[in-house]
Amino acid sequence: MRIAIVGAGIAGLSCALRLQDAEHDVTLFDKGRGAGGRMSTRRVETSAGNAAFDHGAQYLTARDPAFVAAIDAWAAAGVVARWPAAGDDAWVGTPGMNAIVKHLADQTQVHWQHQVTALRRSDAGWHVELLAPAPLASAAAVDAPVDAVVIAVPAEQAAALLADHDPAMAAQAKACRSSPSWTAMLAFAEPIPITGDIVRHAGIIGWAARNSAKPGRSGPEAWVIQATPGWSTTHLEDSVDSVAERLHAALADQADGPLPTPLHRTAHRWRYARATATDRGALWNAGMRLGAAGDWLLAPRIESAWLSGRLLADQMLAE
């Protein structure tokens, strides 16, 4: 089959690679500028060097044997390493969380900066419609009809794409609401006076980590501070500067002394950070050849997103 996958995160890439192994022709479309999504790593030049922030997912764990084997392969490729500070079973991408997504995307055909706004069916098959005309380099891939479509984006975005074609599937996606997360990123010229590399459940802080202490990192002292879901929801429409200031102050409250002036301070709003998941695993309409995968169909974990994509590919291959 010729298959289009909307979303080149872990779920979409897992599905794509499984289908490619069975010699199907797969093309992925993603609105991002490059590999990462909710596993993004942001890099910023400061006066003390290049600072890096894993401002989405902080680490991953593995329980399913198939995913354990995948992590072992990624470790052998040098794109993951253990991070004991977060737990005995915690792993991180190296030199950033986005290294995992990039490693997988390099094995597939992904069109970045291609935001799919709608799907259309014709006698020839499925067609993807974009927010703007496709660049010449990928125009042929966009215009060509495909036999099947996989939606591998957060539930709220999936619901909009599914609504005109499979209302029941769209309703399941719509029922899986995601909680938001405001995340601040601060860089300092020197280590700050906080014991340990992780702060959990402290006031409005749900999680904070000394990102520069993760394995494979370099550059100045860098902290990622994620607000609690409740605070993020209440302050969802606040300005970036206001949120960065509030989370900076919250981090300072956890320090044993005053914090130096940061070299860099900003914040990022994740509207769809943590899914309220079902136990469906994956969704597949064999008659229409339309499917959906993502962590919202299993659990809000990187492993679950990977497993969901794999489950959907297996259902498609079984057909």
C-alpha atoms as a PDB file:
ATOM      1  CA  MET A   1       0.000   0.000   0.000  1.00  0.00           C
ATOM      2  CA  ARG A   2       0.836   3.656  -0.324  1.00  0.00           C
ATOM      3  CA  ILE A   3       0.304   5.144   3.124  1.00  0.00           C
ATOM      4  CA  ALA A   4       0.313   8.718   4.451  1.00  0.00           C
ATOM      5  CA  ILE A   5       0.919   9.323   8.147  1.00  0.00           C
ATOM      6  CA  VAL A   6      -0.036  12.664   9.681  1.00  0.00           C
ATOM      7  CA  GLY A   7       2.382  13.356  12.535  1.00  0.00           C
ATOM      8  CA  ALA A   8       6.026  12.336  12.792  1.00  0.00           C
ATOM      9  CA  GLY A   9       6.247  11.838  16.532  1.00  0.00           C
ATOM     10  CA  ILE A  10       7.029   8.533  18.209  1.00  0.00           C
ATOM     11  CA  ALA A  11       3.635   6.976  17.351  1.00  0.00           C
ATOM     12  CA  GLY A  12       3.746   7.953  13.685  1.00  0.00           C
ATOM     13  CA  LEU A  13       7.362   6.906  13.258  1.00  0.00           C
ATOM     14  CA  SER A  14       6.864   3.583  15.030  1.00  0.00           C
ATOM     15  CA  CYS A  15       3.935   2.839  12.719  1.00  0.00           C
ATOM     16  CA  ALA A  16       5.880   3.961   9.644  1.00  0.00           C
ATOM     17  CA  LEU A  17       8.926   1.807  10.342  1.00  0.00           C
ATOM     18  CA  ARG A  18       6.807  -1.279  11.015  1.00  0.00           C
ATOM     19  CA  LEU A  19       4.967  -0.749   7.704  1.00  0.00           C
ATOM     20  CA  GLN A  20       8.205  -0.073   5.850  1.00  0.00           C
ATOM     21  CA  ASP A  21       9.617  -3.348   7.110  1.00  0.00           C
ATOM     22  CA  ALA A  22       6.699  -5.017   5.334  1.00  0.00           C
ATOM     23  CA  GLU A  23       7.692  -3.163   2.136  1.00  0.00           C
ATOM     24  CA  HIS A  24       4.850  -0.637   2.081  1.00  0.00           C
ATOM     25  CA  ASP A  25       5.437   2.880   0.731  1.00  0.00           C
ATOM     26  CA  VAL A  26       5.072   5.338   3.631  1.00  0.00           C
ATOM     27  CA  THR A  27       5.249   9.140   3.704  1.00  0.00           C
ATOM     28  CA  LEU A  28       4.921  11.225   6.891  1.00  0.00           C
ATOM     29  CA  PHE A  29       3.754  14.839   7.155  1.00  0.00           C
ATOM     30  CA  ASP A  30       4.507  16.968  10.208  1.00  0.00           C
ATOM     31  CA  LYS A  31       3.881  20.644  10.915  1.00  0.00           C
ATOM     32  CA  GLY A  32       7.098  20.998  12.929  1.00  0.00           C
ATOM     33  CA  ARG A  33      10.305  22.479  11.586  1.00  0.00           C
ATOM     34  CA  GLY A  34      12.190  19.322  12.494  1.00  0.00           C
ATOM     35  CA  ALA A  35      12.232  16.206  14.656  1.00  0.00           C
ATOM     36  CA  GLY A  36      10.981  16.507  18.209  1.00  0.00           C
ATOM     37  CA  GLY A  37       7.341  17.377  18.786  1.00  0.00           C
ATOM     38  CA  ARG A  38       6.606  16.792  22.458  1.00  0.00           C
ATOM     39  CA  MET A  39      10.152  15.378  22.733  1.00  0.00           C
ATOM     40  CA  SER A  40      11.727  18.618  21.535  1.00  0.00           C
ATOM     41  CA  THR A  41      15.088  20.016  22.571  1.00  0.00           C
ATOM     42  CA  ARG A  42      15.605  23.767  22.315  1.00  0.00           C
ATOM     43  CA  ARG A  43      19.108  25.176  21.936  1.00  0.00           C
ATOM     44  CA  VAL A  44      19.950  28.805  22.681  1.00  0.00           C
ATOM     45  CA  GLU A  45      23.219  30.694  22.331  1.00  0.00           C
ATOM     46  CA  THR A  46      24.260  32.520  25.521  1.00  0.00           C
ATOM     47  CA  SER A  47      27.343  34.434  26.616  1.00  0.00           C
ATOM     48  CA  ALA A  48      28.498  31.243  28.396  1.00  0.00           C
ATOM     49  CA  GLY A  49      27.946  28.961  25.408  1.00  0.00           C
ATOM     50  CA  ASN A  50      25.126  27.015  23.818  1.00  0.00           C
ATOM     51  CA  ALA A  51      22.428  26.067  26.359  1.00  0.00           C
ATOM     52  CA  ALA A  52      20.086  23.128  25.710  1.00  0.00           C
ATOM     53  CA  PHE A  53      16.642  22.459  27.172  1.00  0.00           C
ATOM     54  CA  ASP A  54      14.527  19.303  26.874  1.00  0.00           C
ATOM     55  CA  HIS A  55      11.372  21.346  27.305  1.00  0.00           C
ATOM     56  CA  GLY A  56       8.888  18.568  26.494  1.00  0.00           C
ATOM     57  CA  ALA A  57       9.153  14.965  27.698  1.00  0.00           C
ATOM     58  CA  GLN A  58      11.882  14.676  30.309  1.00  0.00           C
ATOM     59  CA  TYR A  59      12.747  10.978  30.133  1.00  0.00           C
ATOM     60  CA  LEU A  60      11.294   7.610  29.143  1.00  0.00           C
ATOM     61  CA  THR A  61      10.953   4.173  30.691  1.00  0.00           C
ATOM     62  CA  ALA A  62      10.429   0.722  29.183  1.00  0.00           C
ATOM     63  CA  ARG A  63       8.277  -2.183  30.360  1.00  0.00           C
ATOM     64  CA  ASP A  64       7.051  -3.942  27.224  1.00  0.00           C
ATOM     65  CA  PRO A  65       9.641  -6.418  25.869  1.00  0.00           C
ATOM     66  CA  ALA A  66       9.373  -5.016  22.342  1.00  0.00           C
ATOM     67  CA  PHE A  67      10.053  -1.489  23.591  1.00  0.00           C
ATOM     68  CA  VAL A  68      12.897  -2.712  25.798  1.00  0.00           C
ATOM     69  CA  ALA A  69      14.458  -4.193  22.663  1.00  0.00           C
ATOM     70  CA  ALA A  70      13.946  -0.882  20.839  1.00  0.00           C
ATOM     71  CA  ILE A  71      15.719   1.021  23.614  1.00  0.00           C
ATOM     72  CA  ASP A  72      18.580  -1.458  23.564  1.00  0.00           C
ATOM     73  CA  ALA A  73      18.968  -0.784  19.841  1.00  0.00           C
ATOM     74  CA  TRP A  74      18.862   2.981  20.408  1.00  0.00           C
ATOM     75  CA  ALA A  75      21.493   2.650  23.145  1.00  0.00           C
ATOM     76  CA  ALA A  76      23.715   0.723  20.744  1.00  0.00           C
ATOM     77  CA  ALA A  77      23.233   3.552  18.225  1.00  0.00           C
ATOM     78  CA  GLY A  78      24.245   6.117  20.879  1.00  0.00           C
ATOM     79  CA  VAL A  79      20.956   8.013  20.941  1.00  0.00           C
ATOM     80  CA  VAL A  80      19.848   7.120  24.502  1.00  0.00           C
ATOM     81  CA  ALA A  81      21.534   6.788  27.889  1.00  0.00           C
ATOM     82  CA  ARG A  82      20.392   5.986  31.414  1.00  0.00           C
ATOM     83  CA  TRP A  83      19.599   8.888  33.765  1.00  0.00           C
ATOM     84  CA  PRO A  84      19.700   7.521  37.332  1.00  0.00           C
ATOM     85  CA  ALA A  85      18.613  10.834  38.870  1.00  0.00           C
ATOM     86  CA  ALA A  86      15.083  10.235  37.542  1.00  0.00           C
ATOM     87  CA  GLY A  87      14.967   6.553  38.496  1.00  0.00           C
ATOM     88  CA  ASP A  88      16.690   3.236  37.940  1.00  0.00           C
ATOM     89  CA  ASP A  89      14.656   2.649  34.766  1.00  0.00           C
ATOM     90  CA  ALA A  90      14.886   6.179  33.332  1.00  0.00           C
ATOM     91  CA  TRP A  91      16.434   6.867  29.936  1.00  0.00           C
ATOM     92  CA  VAL A  92      17.025  10.105  28.040  1.00  0.00           C
ATOM     93  CA  GLY A  93      17.869  10.882  24.447  1.00  0.00           C
ATOM     94  CA  THR A  94      21.452  11.991  23.834  1.00  0.00           C
ATOM     95  CA  PRO A  95      22.547  14.680  23.317  1.00  0.00           C
ATOM     96  CA  GLY A  96      18.858  15.741  23.608  1.00  0.00           C
ATOM     97  CA  MET A  97      15.459  14.082  23.876  1.00  0.00           C
ATOM     98  CA  ASN A  98      14.799  14.871  20.228  1.00  0.00           C
ATOM     99  CA  ALA A  99      17.721  12.583  19.243  1.00  0.00           C
ATOM    100  CA  ILE A 100      15.370   9.583  19.428  1.00  0.00           C
ATOM    101  CA  VAL A 101      12.821  11.114  17.060  1.00  0.00           C
ATOM    102  CA  LYS A 102      15.564  12.298  14.720  1.00  0.00           C
ATOM    103  CA  HIS A 103      17.123   8.825  14.662  1.00  0.00           C
ATOM    104  CA  LEU A 104      13.804   7.257  13.655  1.00  0.00           C
ATOM    105  CA  ALA A 105      12.886  10.008  11.198  1.00  0.00           C
ATOM    106  CA  ASP A 106      16.208   9.574   9.401  1.00  0.00           C
ATOM    107  CA  GLN A 107      15.040   6.070   8.464  1.00  0.00           C
ATOM    108  CA  THR A 108      11.785   7.275   6.892  1.00  0.00           C
ATOM    109  CA  GLN A 109      10.472   9.865   4.453  1.00  0.00           C
ATOM    110  CA  VAL A 110       9.219  12.861   6.451  1.00  0.00           C
ATOM    111  CA  HIS A 111       8.020  16.184   5.051  1.00  0.00           C
ATOM    112  CA  TRP A 112       8.582  18.742   7.816  1.00  0.00           C
ATOM    113  CA  GLN A 113       6.685  22.058   7.928  1.00  0.00           C
ATOM    114  CA  HIS A 114       3.706  20.390   6.235  1.00  0.00           C
ATOM    115  CA  GLN A 115       0.617  21.017   8.366  1.00  0.00           C
ATOM    116  CA  VAL A 116      -2.248  18.795   7.231  1.00  0.00           C
ATOM    117  CA  THR A 117      -5.549  20.626   7.699  1.00  0.00           C
ATOM    118  CA  ALA A 118      -7.949  18.141   6.096  1.00  0.00           C
ATOM    119  CA  LEU A 119      -8.249  14.763   4.415  1.00  0.00           C
ATOM    120  CA  ARG A 120     -10.169  14.205   1.192  1.00  0.00           C
ATOM    121  CA  ARG A 121     -11.280  11.006  -0.512  1.00  0.00           C
ATOM    122  CA  SER A 122     -11.643  10.474  -4.247  1.00  0.00           C
ATOM    123  CA  ASP A 123     -12.015   7.450  -6.503  1.00  0.00           C
ATOM    124  CA  ALA A 124      -8.210   7.355  -6.646  1.00  0.00           C
ATOM    125  CA  GLY A 125      -7.753   7.205  -2.864  1.00  0.00           C
ATOM    126  CA  TRP A 126      -6.947   9.556   0.002  1.00  0.00           C
ATOM    127  CA  HIS A 127      -5.482  13.038  -0.426  1.00  0.00           C
ATOM    128  CA  VAL A 128      -3.936  15.296   2.241  1.00  0.00           C
ATOM    129  CA  GLU A 129      -4.661  19.021   2.205  1.00  0.00           C
ATOM    130  CA  LEU A 130      -2.114  21.445   3.636  1.00  0.00           C
ATOM    131  CA  LEU A 131      -2.299  24.797   5.375  1.00  0.00           C
ATOM    132  CA  ALA A 132      -0.223  26.295   2.545  1.00  0.00           C
ATOM    133  CA  PRO A 133       0.973  25.008  -0.842  1.00  0.00           C
ATOM    134  CA  ALA A 134       3.690  22.403  -0.565  1.00  0.00           C
ATOM    135  CA  PRO A 135       7.268  23.255  -1.529  1.00  0.00           C
ATOM    136  CA  LEU A 136       8.238  22.092  -4.991  1.00  0.00           C
ATOM    137  CA  ALA A 137      10.463  19.413  -3.514  1.00  0.00           C
ATOM    138  CA  SER A 138       7.479  17.586  -2.005  1.00  0.00           C
ATOM    139  CA  ALA A 139       4.611  18.682  -4.259  1.00  0.00           C
ATOM    140  CA  ALA A 140       4.456  15.320  -6.010  1.00  0.00           C
ATOM    141  CA  ALA A 141       4.201  13.419  -2.728  1.00  0.00           C
ATOM    142  CA  VAL A 142       1.409  15.692  -1.505  1.00  0.00           C
ATOM    143  CA  ASP A 143      -0.614  15.529  -4.714  1.00  0.00           C
ATOM    144  CA  ALA A 144      -0.352  11.756  -5.146  1.00  0.00           C
ATOM    145  CA  PRO A 145      -3.317   9.777  -3.769  1.00  0.00           C
ATOM    146  CA  VAL A 146      -2.617   7.123  -1.146  1.00  0.00           C
ATOM    147  CA  ASP A 147      -4.371   3.906  -0.190  1.00  0.00           C
ATOM    148  CA  ALA A 148      -4.489   4.488   3.556  1.00  0.00           C
ATOM    149  CA  VAL A 149      -4.085   7.309   6.084  1.00  0.00           C
ATOM    150  CA  VAL A 150      -2.856   7.181   9.683  1.00  0.00           C
ATOM    151  CA  ILE A 151      -3.513  10.056  12.100  1.00  0.00           C
ATOM    152  CA  ALA A 152      -0.756  10.187  14.727  1.00  0.00           C
ATOM    153  CA  VAL A 153      -1.253  13.553  16.447  1.00  0.00           C
ATOM    154  CA  PRO A 154      -2.723  14.586  19.839  1.00  0.00           C
ATOM    155  CA  ALA A 155      -6.352  13.579  20.364  1.00  0.00           C
ATOM    156  CA  GLU A 156      -7.790  17.076  19.935  1.00  0.00           C
ATOM    157  CA  GLN A 157      -6.065  17.493  16.571  1.00  0.00           C
ATOM    158  CA  ALA A 158      -6.943  13.944  15.520  1.00  0.00           C
ATOM    159  CA  ALA A 159     -10.642  14.554  16.228  1.00  0.00           C
ATOM    160  CA  ALA A 160     -10.765  17.448  13.770  1.00  0.00           C
ATOM    161  CA  LEU A 161      -9.190  15.398  10.966  1.00  0.00           C
ATOM    162  CA  LEU A 162     -11.364  12.344  11.614  1.00  0.00           C
ATOM    163  CA  ALA A 163     -14.715  14.094  12.022  1.00  0.00           C
ATOM    164  CA  ASP A 164     -15.762  14.163   8.362  1.00  0.00           C
ATOM    165  CA  HIS A 165     -14.841  10.533   7.727  1.00  0.00           C
ATOM    166  CA  ASP A 166     -15.394   8.439  10.863  1.00  0.00           C
ATOM    167  CA  PRO A 167     -17.564  10.243  13.462  1.00  0.00           C
ATOM    168  CA  ALA A 168     -17.275   7.366  15.940  1.00  0.00           C
ATOM    169  CA  MET A 169     -13.496   7.450  15.810  1.00  0.00           C
ATOM    170  CA  ALA A 170     -13.564  11.248  16.081  1.00  0.00           C
ATOM    171  CA  ALA A 171     -15.804  11.020  19.155  1.00  0.00           C
ATOM    172  CA  GLN A 172     -13.317   8.731  20.876  1.00  0.00           C
ATOM    173  CA  ALA A 173     -10.543  11.211  20.160  1.00  0.00           C
ATOM    174  CA  LYS A 174     -12.645  14.148  21.346  1.00  0.00           C
ATOM    175  CA  ALA A 175     -13.310  12.367  24.642  1.00  0.00           C
ATOM    176  CA  CYS A 176      -9.570  12.161  25.386  1.00  0.00           C
ATOM    177  CA  ARG A 177      -8.881  15.653  26.633  1.00  0.00           C
ATOM    178  CA  SER A 178      -5.242  16.659  27.188  1.00  0.00           C
ATOM    179  CA  SER A 179      -4.018  18.802  30.061  1.00  0.00           C
ATOM    180  CA  PRO A 180      -1.706  21.703  29.184  1.00  0.00           C
ATOM    181  CA  SER A 181       1.741  22.472  30.533  1.00  0.00           C
ATOM    182  CA  TRP A 182       3.599  25.749  30.795  1.00  0.00           C
ATOM    183  CA  THR A 183       7.355  25.134  30.758  1.00  0.00           C
ATOM    184  CA  ALA A 184      10.064  27.665  31.594  1.00  0.00           C
ATOM    185  CA  MET A 185      13.690  27.474  30.458  1.00  0.00           C
ATOM    186  CA  LEU A 186      16.459  29.229  32.382  1.00  0.00           C
ATOM    187  CA  ALA A 187      20.222  29.260  31.796  1.00  0.00           C
ATOM    188  CA  PHE A 188      22.822  30.485  34.292  1.00  0.00           C
ATOM    189  CA  ALA A 189      26.543  31.163  34.134  1.00  0.00           C
ATOM    190  CA  GLU A 190      27.161  29.021  37.240  1.00  0.00           C
ATOM    191  CA  PRO A 191      25.469  26.151  39.117  1.00  0.00           C
ATOM    192  CA  ILE A 192      22.559  27.355  41.243  1.00  0.00           C
ATOM    193  CA  PRO A 193      22.231  26.411  44.950  1.00  0.00           C
ATOM    194  CA  ILE A 194      19.695  23.585  44.693  1.00  0.00           C
ATOM    195  CA  THR A 195      20.611  20.181  46.102  1.00  0.00           C
ATOM    196  CA  GLY A 196      20.024  17.443  43.594  1.00  0.00           C
ATOM    197  CA  ASP A 197      19.105  17.701  39.933  1.00  0.00           C
ATOM    198  CA  ILE A 198      15.310  17.298  40.210  1.00  0.00           C
ATOM    199  CA  VAL A 199      12.528  19.175  42.028  1.00  0.00           C
ATOM    200  CA  ARG A 200       9.106  17.521  42.182  1.00  0.00           C
ATOM    201  CA  HIS A 201       5.706  18.789  43.364  1.00  0.00           C
ATOM    202  CA  ALA A 202       6.801  22.053  44.944  1.00  0.00           C
ATOM    203  CA  GLY A 203       4.118  24.724  44.868  1.00  0.00           C
ATOM    204  CA  ILE A 204       3.269  25.549  41.264  1.00  0.00           C
ATOM    205  CA  ILE A 205       6.187  23.387  40.074  1.00  0.00           C
ATOM    206  CA  GLY A 206       5.153  19.936  38.954  1.00  0.00           C
ATOM    207  CA  TRP A 207       8.661  19.062  37.812  1.00  0.00           C
ATOM    208  CA  ALA A 208      11.963  20.881  37.453  1.00  0.00           C
ATOM    209  CA  ALA A 209      15.286  19.455  36.321  1.00  0.00           C
ATOM    210  CA  ARG A 210      18.864  20.551  35.865  1.00  0.00           C
ATOM    211  CA  ASN A 211      18.892  19.713  32.173  1.00  0.00           C
ATOM    212  CA  SER A 212      22.637  20.279  31.879  1.00  0.00           C
ATOM    213  CA  ALA A 213      23.218  17.394  34.315  1.00  0.00           C
ATOM    214  CA  LYS A 214      21.635  14.807  32.019  1.00  0.00           C
ATOM    215  CA  PRO A 215      24.087  12.451  30.290  1.00  0.00           C
ATOM    216  CA  GLY A 216      25.578  13.688  27.027  1.00  0.00           C
ATOM    217  CA  ARG A 217      24.834  17.349  27.748  1.00  0.00           C
ATOM    218  CA  SER A 218      27.251  20.256  27.594  1.00  0.00           C
ATOM    219  CA  GLY A 219      27.064  24.004  27.988  1.00  0.00           C
ATOM    220  CA  PRO A 220      26.058  26.252  30.895  1.00  0.00           C
ATOM    221  CA  GLU A 221      23.739  25.453  33.803  1.00  0.00           C
ATOM    222  CA  ALA A 222      20.288  24.918  32.277  1.00  0.00           C
ATOM    223  CA  TRP A 223      16.982  24.310  34.069  1.00  0.00           C
ATOM    224  CA  VAL A 224      13.587  23.216  32.760  1.00  0.00           C
ATOM    225  CA  ILE A 225      10.625  24.048  35.030  1.00  0.00           C
ATOM    226  CA  GLN A 226       7.198  22.574  34.276  1.00  0.00           C
ATOM    227  CA  ALA A 227       4.156  24.008  36.020  1.00  0.00           C
ATOM    228  CA  THR A 228       1.440  21.789  37.454  1.00  0.00           C
ATOM    229  CA  PRO A 229      -1.475  20.980  35.128  1.00  0.00           C
ATOM    230  CA  GLY A 230      -3.878  22.976  37.304  1.00  0.00           C
ATOM    231  CA  TRP A 231      -1.733  26.106  37.294  1.00  0.00           C
ATOM    232  CA  SER A 232      -1.065  25.733  33.575  1.00  0.00           C
ATOM    233  CA  THR A 233      -4.796  25.501  32.878  1.00  0.00           C
ATOM    234  CA  THR A 234      -5.604  28.553  34.981  1.00  0.00           C
ATOM    235  CA  HIS A 235      -2.837  30.610  33.353  1.00  0.00           C
ATOM    236  CA  LEU A 236      -3.103  29.119  29.870  1.00  0.00           C
ATOM    237  CA  GLU A 237      -3.463  32.476  28.112  1.00  0.00           C
ATOM    238  CA  ASP A 238      -0.882  34.369  30.187  1.00  0.00           C
ATOM    239  CA  SER A 239       2.083  35.928  28.395  1.00  0.00           C
ATOM    240  CA  VAL A 240       5.357  34.085  27.959  1.00  0.00           C
ATOM    241  CA  ASP A 241       7.224  36.696  30.020  1.00  0.00           C
ATOM    242  CA  SER A 242       4.736  36.500  32.884  1.00  0.00           C
ATOM    243  CA  VAL A 243       4.879  32.715  33.064  1.00  0.00           C
ATOM    244  CA  ALA A 244       8.672  32.649  32.847  1.00  0.00           C
ATOM    245  CA  GLU A 245       8.872  35.141  35.728  1.00  0.00           C
ATOM    246  CA  ARG A 246       6.453  33.156  37.918  1.00  0.00           C
ATOM    247  CA  LEU A 247       8.230  29.835  37.345  1.00  0.00           C
ATOM    248  CA  HIS A 248      11.624  31.495  37.860  1.00  0.00           C
ATOM    249  CA  ALA A 249      10.396  32.754  41.236  1.00  0.00           C
ATOM    250  CA  ALA A 250       9.037  29.314  42.117  1.00  0.00           C
ATOM    251  CA  LEU A 251      12.437  27.755  41.371  1.00  0.00           C
ATOM    252  CA  ALA A 252      14.143  30.418  43.495  1.00  0.00           C
ATOM    253  CA  ASP A 253      11.910  29.404  46.420  1.00  0.00           C
ATOM    254  CA  GLN A 254      13.499  25.930  46.271  1.00  0.00           C
ATOM    255  CA  ALA A 255      17.081  27.222  46.379  1.00  0.00           C
ATOM    256  CA  ASP A 256      19.353  27.406  49.419  1.00  0.00           C
ATOM    257  CA  GLY A 257      20.451  30.893  48.432  1.00  0.00           C
ATOM    258  CA  PRO A 258      19.776  33.651  45.914  1.00  0.00           C
ATOM    259  CA  LEU A 259      19.853  32.747  42.234  1.00  0.00           C
ATOM    260  CA  PRO A 260      22.152  34.621  39.862  1.00  0.00           C
ATOM    261  CA  THR A 261      20.624  36.630  37.043  1.00  0.00           C
ATOM    262  CA  PRO A 262      19.797  34.180  34.256  1.00  0.00           C
ATOM    263  CA  LEU A 263      21.624  34.376  30.957  1.00  0.00           C
ATOM    264  CA  HIS A 264      18.433  33.301  29.224  1.00  0.00           C
ATOM    265  CA  ARG A 265      14.821  33.026  30.357  1.00  0.00           C
ATOM    266  CA  THR A 266      11.729  32.111  28.361  1.00  0.00           C
ATOM    267  CA  ALA A 267       8.695  29.832  28.476  1.00  0.00           C
ATOM    268  CA  HIS A 268       6.788  27.530  26.152  1.00  0.00           C
ATOM    269  CA  ARG A 269       3.103  26.599  26.291  1.00  0.00           C
ATOM    270  CA  TRP A 270       2.159  23.014  25.509  1.00  0.00           C
ATOM    271  CA  ARG A 271      -1.591  22.969  24.924  1.00  0.00           C
ATOM    272  CA  TYR A 272      -1.678  19.179  24.587  1.00  0.00           C
ATOM    273  CA  ALA A 273       0.919  17.948  27.066  1.00  0.00           C
ATOM    274  CA  ARG A 274      -0.599  14.976  28.860  1.00  0.00           C
ATOM    275  CA  ALA A 275      -3.409  12.905  27.391  1.00  0.00           C
ATOM    276  CA  THR A 276      -6.319  11.379  29.276  1.00  0.00           C
ATOM    277  CA  ALA A 277      -5.884   7.979  27.691  1.00  0.00           C
ATOM    278  CA  THR A 278      -8.209   5.136  26.738  1.00  0.00           C
ATOM    279  CA  ASP A 279      -7.226   1.483  26.538  1.00  0.00           C
ATOM    280  CA  ARG A 280      -7.978   0.998  22.837  1.00  0.00           C
ATOM    281  CA  GLY A 281      -4.350   0.737  21.768  1.00  0.00           C
ATOM    282  CA  ALA A 282      -5.027   1.923  18.225  1.00  0.00           C
ATOM    283  CA  LEU A 283      -8.004   2.613  15.946  1.00  0.00           C
ATOM    284  CA  TRP A 284      -8.391   1.147  12.463  1.00  0.00           C
ATOM    285  CA  ASN A 285     -11.312   1.408  10.036  1.00  0.00           C
ATOM    286  CA  ALA A 286     -10.475  -1.340   7.536  1.00  0.00           C
ATOM    287  CA  GLY A 287     -13.275  -0.381   5.143  1.00  0.00           C
ATOM    288  CA  MET A 288     -12.023   3.184   4.787  1.00  0.00           C
ATOM    289  CA  ARG A 289      -8.377   2.367   5.433  1.00  0.00           C
ATOM    290  CA  LEU A 290      -8.213   5.094   8.035  1.00  0.00           C
ATOM    291  CA  GLY A 291      -6.487   4.729  11.388  1.00  0.00           C
ATOM    292  CA  ALA A 292      -5.291   6.596  14.465  1.00  0.00           C
ATOM    293  CA  ALA A 293      -2.438   6.020  16.897  1.00  0.00           C
ATOM    294  CA  GLY A 294      -0.954   7.886  19.829  1.00  0.00           C
ATOM    295  CA  ASP A 295      -0.384   7.897  23.564  1.00  0.00           C
ATOM    296  CA  TRP A 296      -4.032   8.953  24.032  1.00  0.00           C
ATOM    297  CA  LEU A 297      -5.017   5.426  23.025  1.00  0.00           C
ATOM    298  CA  LEU A 298      -2.928   3.714  25.737  1.00  0.00           C
ATOM    299  CA  ALA A 299      -1.268   5.885  28.388  1.00  0.00           C
ATOM    300  CA  PRO A 300       0.559   9.238  28.559  1.00  0.00           C
ATOM    301  CA  ARG A 301       4.030   7.754  28.126  1.00  0.00           C
ATOM    302  CA  ILE A 302       6.561   7.678  25.298  1.00  0.00           C
ATOM    303  CA  GLU A 303       6.497   3.890  25.404  1.00  0.00           C
ATOM    304  CA  SER A 304       2.710   3.932  24.954  1.00  0.00           C
ATOM    305  CA  ALA A 305       2.942   6.159  21.889  1.00  0.00           C
ATOM    306  CA  TRP A 306       5.511   3.806  20.341  1.00  0.00           C
ATOM    307  CA  LEU A 307       3.389   0.741  21.149  1.00  0.00           C
ATOM    308  CA  SER A 308       0.233   2.355  19.755  1.00  0.00           C
ATOM    309  CA  GLY A 309       1.911   3.026  16.412  1.00  0.00           C
ATOM    310  CA  ARG A 310       3.183  -0.530  16.293  1.00  0.00           C
ATOM    311  CA  LEU A 311      -0.247  -1.964  17.186  1.00  0.00           C
ATOM    312  CA  LEU A 312      -1.906   0.018  14.410  1.00  0.00           C
ATOM    313  CA  ALA A 313       0.693  -1.138  11.873  1.00  0.00           C
ATOM    314  CA  ASP A 314       0.069  -4.743  12.920  1.00  0.00           C
ATOM    315  CA  GLN A 315      -3.671  -4.321  12.417  1.00  0.00           C
ATOM    316  CA  MET A 316      -3.075  -2.866   8.959  1.00  0.00           C
ATOM    317  CA  LEU A 317      -0.688  -5.668   8.031  1.00  0.00           C
ATOM    318  CA  ALA A 318      -3.124  -8.309   9.280  1.00  0.00           C
ATOM    319  CA  GLU A 319      -5.692  -6.970   6.816  1.00  0.00           C
END
